[in-house]
Amino acid sequence: MSEEVQTYYQKKLPDLIEKLKNMVDKNLDLIDKDIDGDISDDKNHAVLKGRKMAAEDSVWAMKKIDELQRELNGEDPLEKTQKLSWGKYSAES
């Protein structure tokens, strides 16, 4: 029997990756929802602030997903994620 002994961390890593993917999906849905036009300026500001936080959390989670998937596949988890480019702007982890 050449069965590898997995640590608790290794066993739970795929579950964590899936939960992070679900978090990103829910955040993207939140960002895309229409804002009711009958809300006060304060509430509108809070909604926009929440959307900004959801976007920032999603970016962090997507980078973390890439890192954890590389680790799960036996690759270097600290390797930079693929560079994204939008014209003159670019982003990398």
C-alpha atoms as a PDB file:
ATOM      1  CA  MET A   1       0.000   0.000   0.000  1.00  0.00           C
ATOM      2  CA  SER A   2       1.553   3.239  -1.143  1.00  0.00           C
ATOM      3  CA  GLU A   3      -1.200   5.420   0.207  1.00  0.00           C
ATOM      4  CA  GLU A   4      -0.019   8.882   1.187  1.00  0.00           C
ATOM      5  CA  VAL A   5      -0.953  10.164   4.585  1.00  0.00           C
ATOM      6  CA  GLN A   6      -2.712  13.489   4.205  1.00  0.00           C
ATOM      7  CA  THR A   7      -2.688  16.129   6.859  1.00  0.00           C
ATOM      8  CA  TYR A   8      -5.893  17.796   7.965  1.00  0.00           C
ATOM      9  CA  TYR A   9      -4.792  20.866   5.991  1.00  0.00           C
ATOM     10  CA  GLN A  10      -4.369  18.843   2.795  1.00  0.00           C
ATOM     11  CA  LYS A  11      -7.760  17.201   3.256  1.00  0.00           C
ATOM     12  CA  LYS A  12      -9.588  20.497   3.815  1.00  0.00           C
ATOM     13  CA  LEU A  13      -7.809  22.518   1.109  1.00  0.00           C
ATOM     14  CA  PRO A  14     -10.211  21.537  -1.731  1.00  0.00           C
ATOM     15  CA  ASP A  15     -13.188  22.464   0.482  1.00  0.00           C
ATOM     16  CA  LEU A  16     -11.660  25.858   1.232  1.00  0.00           C
ATOM     17  CA  ILE A  17     -11.042  26.503  -2.461  1.00  0.00           C
ATOM     18  CA  GLU A  18     -14.683  25.703  -3.277  1.00  0.00           C
ATOM     19  CA  LYS A  19     -15.952  27.955  -0.479  1.00  0.00           C
ATOM     20  CA  LEU A  20     -13.769  30.817  -1.721  1.00  0.00           C
ATOM     21  CA  LYS A  21     -15.156  30.325  -5.239  1.00  0.00           C
ATOM     22  CA  ASN A  22     -18.702  30.468  -3.820  1.00  0.00           C
ATOM     23  CA  MET A  23     -17.787  33.660  -1.949  1.00  0.00           C
ATOM     24  CA  VAL A  24     -16.568  35.268  -5.172  1.00  0.00           C
ATOM     25  CA  ASP A  25     -19.764  34.259  -6.998  1.00  0.00           C
ATOM     26  CA  LYS A  26     -21.948  35.725  -4.243  1.00  0.00           C
ATOM     27  CA  ASN A  27     -19.904  38.940  -4.154  1.00  0.00           C
ATOM     28  CA  LEU A  28     -20.219  39.323  -7.924  1.00  0.00           C
ATOM     29  CA  ASP A  29     -23.994  38.904  -7.637  1.00  0.00           C
ATOM     30  CA  LEU A  30     -24.035  41.544  -4.884  1.00  0.00           C
ATOM     31  CA  ILE A  31     -22.010  43.980  -6.975  1.00  0.00           C
ATOM     32  CA  ASP A  32     -24.365  43.524  -9.927  1.00  0.00           C
ATOM     33  CA  LYS A  33     -27.673  44.118  -8.073  1.00  0.00           C
ATOM     34  CA  ASP A  34     -29.721  47.175  -8.970  1.00  0.00           C
ATOM     35  CA  ILE A  35     -29.949  49.968  -6.422  1.00  0.00           C
ATOM     36  CA  ASP A  36     -33.453  51.051  -5.452  1.00  0.00           C
ATOM     37  CA  GLY A  37     -33.875  54.669  -6.496  1.00  0.00           C
ATOM     38  CA  ASP A  38     -35.955  55.544  -3.433  1.00  0.00           C
ATOM     39  CA  ILE A  39     -33.185  55.265  -0.842  1.00  0.00           C
ATOM     40  CA  SER A  40     -31.527  58.124   1.007  1.00  0.00           C
ATOM     41  CA  ASP A  41     -28.073  59.415   0.163  1.00  0.00           C
ATOM     42  CA  ASP A  42     -26.653  57.844   3.323  1.00  0.00           C
ATOM     43  CA  LYS A  43     -28.018  54.428   2.417  1.00  0.00           C
ATOM     44  CA  ASN A  44     -26.857  54.832  -1.173  1.00  0.00           C
ATOM     45  CA  HIS A  45     -23.355  55.626   0.111  1.00  0.00           C
ATOM     46  CA  ALA A  46     -23.446  52.528   2.338  1.00  0.00           C
ATOM     47  CA  VAL A  47     -24.506  50.359  -0.618  1.00  0.00           C
ATOM     48  CA  LEU A  48     -21.680  51.694  -2.783  1.00  0.00           C
ATOM     49  CA  LYS A  49     -19.181  51.215   0.031  1.00  0.00           C
ATOM     50  CA  GLY A  50     -20.392  47.627   0.469  1.00  0.00           C
ATOM     51  CA  ARG A  51     -19.963  46.968  -3.234  1.00  0.00           C
ATOM     52  CA  LYS A  52     -16.424  48.312  -3.110  1.00  0.00           C
ATOM     53  CA  MET A  53     -15.633  46.024  -0.182  1.00  0.00           C
ATOM     54  CA  ALA A  54     -17.181  43.049  -2.019  1.00  0.00           C
ATOM     55  CA  ALA A  55     -15.023  43.791  -5.076  1.00  0.00           C
ATOM     56  CA  GLU A  56     -11.856  44.074  -2.978  1.00  0.00           C
ATOM     57  CA  ASP A  57     -12.686  40.840  -1.134  1.00  0.00           C
ATOM     58  CA  SER A  58     -13.297  39.098  -4.461  1.00  0.00           C
ATOM     59  CA  VAL A  59      -9.931  40.167  -5.840  1.00  0.00           C
ATOM     60  CA  TRP A  60      -8.211  38.880  -2.682  1.00  0.00           C
ATOM     61  CA  ALA A  61     -10.140  35.596  -2.836  1.00  0.00           C
ATOM     62  CA  MET A  62      -9.350  35.013  -6.515  1.00  0.00           C
ATOM     63  CA  LYS A  63      -5.640  35.501  -5.839  1.00  0.00           C
ATOM     64  CA  LYS A  64      -5.863  33.176  -2.827  1.00  0.00           C
ATOM     65  CA  ILE A  65      -7.678  30.552  -4.932  1.00  0.00           C
ATOM     66  CA  ASP A  66      -4.852  30.641  -7.489  1.00  0.00           C
ATOM     67  CA  GLU A  67      -2.272  30.309  -4.724  1.00  0.00           C
ATOM     68  CA  LEU A  68      -4.058  27.420  -3.004  1.00  0.00           C
ATOM     69  CA  GLN A  69      -4.648  25.565  -6.274  1.00  0.00           C
ATOM     70  CA  ARG A  70      -0.950  25.832  -7.124  1.00  0.00           C
ATOM     71  CA  GLU A  71      -0.118  24.483  -3.664  1.00  0.00           C
ATOM     72  CA  LEU A  72      -2.620  21.634  -4.104  1.00  0.00           C
ATOM     73  CA  ASN A  73      -1.028  20.748  -7.454  1.00  0.00           C
ATOM     74  CA  GLY A  74       2.451  20.660  -5.922  1.00  0.00           C
ATOM     75  CA  GLU A  75       3.582  23.881  -7.577  1.00  0.00           C
ATOM     76  CA  ASP A  76       5.178  26.917  -5.968  1.00  0.00           C
ATOM     77  CA  PRO A  77       2.294  28.724  -4.204  1.00  0.00           C
ATOM     78  CA  LEU A  78       4.214  32.011  -4.163  1.00  0.00           C
ATOM     79  CA  GLU A  79       4.519  32.172  -7.945  1.00  0.00           C
ATOM     80  CA  LYS A  80       2.754  35.269  -9.229  1.00  0.00           C
ATOM     81  CA  THR A  81      -0.685  34.904 -10.747  1.00  0.00           C
ATOM     82  CA  GLN A  82      -1.061  35.557 -14.423  1.00  0.00           C
ATOM     83  CA  LYS A  83      -0.785  39.234 -15.214  1.00  0.00           C
ATOM     84  CA  LEU A  84      -4.067  40.830 -16.259  1.00  0.00           C
ATOM     85  CA  SER A  85      -3.914  43.764 -18.597  1.00  0.00           C
ATOM     86  CA  TRP A  86      -6.607  46.304 -19.483  1.00  0.00           C
ATOM     87  CA  GLY A  87      -4.980  48.788 -21.795  1.00  0.00           C
ATOM     88  CA  LYS A  88      -2.635  50.972 -19.794  1.00  0.00           C
ATOM     89  CA  TYR A  89      -3.670  49.377 -16.477  1.00  0.00           C
ATOM     90  CA  SER A  90      -2.401  46.036 -15.254  1.00  0.00           C
ATOM     91  CA  ALA A  91      -2.799  43.938 -12.133  1.00  0.00           C
ATOM     92  CA  GLU A  92      -0.789  41.139 -10.658  1.00  0.00           C
ATOM     93  CA  SER A  93      -0.590  39.554  -7.246  1.00  0.00           C
END
